[in-house]
Amino acid sequence: MKYSLFLVVLYVSYISACSRCSYTSACSTCSSCRVDCPNPLGIQFKRFNCWTPAPIGNCMKCKCNSNLSVECLSCPVKYISPGSPCYMSEIDKSLQYPHCCPKTVCP
C-alpha cells in the first residue's frame, strides 16, 4: 500500500512539473518532462515547436507540436525554366536534411 501511494505521489509531482513548462512558446524546453510525440521515424524530440532533422535516409525535418502532433517538411520544390540547360540533382539519402535536398546544376 505504501508503495502504491508513493507511485501516485510521484506521478502527480511529474504532472505538476510538466504543467509549469511553457509548451506554447517557440522552441520551448522542459528539462523535467519528456516530449512523447508519436512518430514512425524514431526522432527523439527534446523540445516542443523546434525543427529537428529526421534520421539519415529520410530527407526531411520534423517538429513536435504542443498538442503532440508531428509536423514534417521535405525539400523545397524549385522551378527551372523550359529550355534552360540547368537540371535538378537527385535526393542524396546518405546525407541529413537539408544537405540531402536536390540542388540546381547548371553545366
Protein backbone atom coordinates (compact mmCIF):
# COMPACT_ATOMS: atom_id res chain seq x y z
CA MET A 1 0.00 0.00 0.00
CA LYS A 2 2.83 2.39 0.87
CA TYR A 3 4.46 1.61 -2.50
CA SER A 4 1.23 2.43 -4.39
CA LEU A 5 0.85 5.71 -2.54
CA PHE A 6 4.47 6.60 -3.39
CA LEU A 7 3.80 5.99 -7.11
CA VAL A 8 0.68 8.16 -7.04
CA VAL A 9 2.58 11.00 -5.34
CA LEU A 10 5.44 10.64 -7.82
CA TYR A 11 3.07 10.70 -10.82
CA VAL A 12 1.20 13.76 -9.50
CA SER A 13 4.53 15.51 -8.93
CA TYR A 14 5.56 14.74 -12.54
CA ILE A 15 2.26 16.13 -13.91
CA SER A 16 2.64 19.23 -11.76
CA ALA A 17 6.19 19.82 -13.02
CA CYS A 18 5.10 19.37 -16.64
CA SER A 19 2.21 21.79 -16.28
CA ARG A 20 4.69 24.53 -15.35
CA CYS A 21 6.56 24.13 -18.65
CA SER A 22 5.79 26.58 -21.41
CA TYR A 23 4.80 24.48 -24.41
CA THR A 24 3.29 27.31 -26.41
CA SER A 25 6.34 29.48 -26.93
CA ALA A 26 8.58 28.87 -29.90
CA CYS A 27 11.29 26.31 -29.23
CA SER A 28 10.33 25.90 -25.58
CA THR A 29 12.20 23.40 -23.47
CA CYS A 30 11.24 21.45 -20.43
CA SER A 31 14.10 19.57 -18.85
CA SER A 32 11.86 17.89 -16.26
CA CYS A 33 9.46 16.44 -18.86
CA ARG A 34 9.72 14.06 -21.78
CA VAL A 35 8.47 15.05 -25.20
CA ASP A 36 6.50 11.97 -26.23
CA CYS A 37 5.35 12.71 -29.74
CA PRO A 38 4.43 9.51 -31.54
CA ASN A 39 6.36 9.30 -34.81
CA PRO A 40 7.29 6.44 -37.15
CA LEU A 41 10.76 7.86 -37.85
CA GLY A 42 12.05 7.39 -34.31
CA ILE A 43 13.04 11.04 -33.84
CA GLN A 44 13.96 11.87 -30.25
CA PHE A 45 12.30 15.23 -29.65
CA LYS A 46 13.77 17.17 -26.72
CA ARG A 47 11.84 20.39 -27.23
CA PHE A 48 8.42 21.42 -28.46
CA ASN A 49 7.98 23.52 -31.61
CA CYS A 50 11.60 23.12 -32.76
CA TRP A 51 12.54 21.66 -36.14
CA THR A 52 14.67 18.53 -35.83
CA PRO A 53 16.29 16.76 -38.80
CA ALA A 54 14.94 13.25 -39.39
CA PRO A 55 17.43 10.36 -39.33
CA ILE A 56 19.65 9.89 -42.39
CA GLY A 57 17.70 8.22 -45.17
CA ASN A 58 14.62 10.40 -44.55
CA CYS A 59 15.21 13.73 -46.27
CA MET A 60 13.01 15.94 -44.08
CA LYS A 61 12.79 17.86 -40.83
CA CYS A 62 10.07 17.44 -38.22
CA LYS A 63 8.78 19.12 -35.08
CA CYS A 64 6.61 18.06 -32.18
CA ASN A 65 3.76 20.50 -31.68
CA SER A 66 2.38 21.32 -28.24
CA ASN A 67 -0.71 19.17 -28.98
CA LEU A 68 1.66 16.17 -29.53
CA SER A 69 1.13 16.09 -33.29
CA VAL A 70 4.18 15.73 -35.52
CA GLU A 71 4.69 18.07 -38.47
CA CYS A 72 7.30 17.34 -41.16
CA LEU A 73 8.68 19.25 -44.13
CA SER A 74 10.63 17.83 -47.04
CA CYS A 75 12.82 19.59 -49.59
CA PRO A 76 11.51 22.72 -51.33
CA VAL A 77 10.37 22.41 -54.93
CA LYS A 78 12.33 24.52 -57.42
CA TYR A 79 11.25 25.54 -60.88
CA ILE A 80 13.64 25.53 -63.84
CA SER A 81 12.57 27.39 -66.97
CA PRO A 82 11.91 25.26 -70.06
CA GLY A 83 14.86 25.34 -72.46
CA SER A 84 17.35 26.00 -69.64
CA PRO A 85 20.47 23.81 -69.63
CA CYS A 86 20.10 23.51 -65.85
CA TYR A 87 18.59 20.49 -64.07
CA MET A 88 17.89 19.28 -60.55
CA SER A 89 20.19 16.71 -58.94
CA GLU A 90 18.72 13.65 -57.18
CA ILE A 91 17.98 13.46 -53.45
CA ASP A 92 21.05 12.16 -51.61
CA LYS A 93 19.64 9.96 -48.85
CA SER A 94 23.12 9.41 -47.42
CA LEU A 95 23.02 12.96 -46.04
CA GLN A 96 20.84 14.59 -43.40
CA TYR A 97 18.34 17.39 -44.09
CA PRO A 98 18.85 19.96 -45.66
CA HIS A 99 22.07 18.72 -47.30
CA CYS A 100 20.21 15.77 -48.84
CA CYS A 101 17.90 18.02 -50.89
CA PRO A 102 18.25 18.27 -54.68
CA LYS A 103 20.40 21.08 -55.94
CA THR A 104 20.24 23.10 -59.15
CA VAL A 105 23.02 22.04 -61.51
CA CYS A 106 23.93 24.30 -64.44
CA PRO A 107 26.61 22.95 -66.81
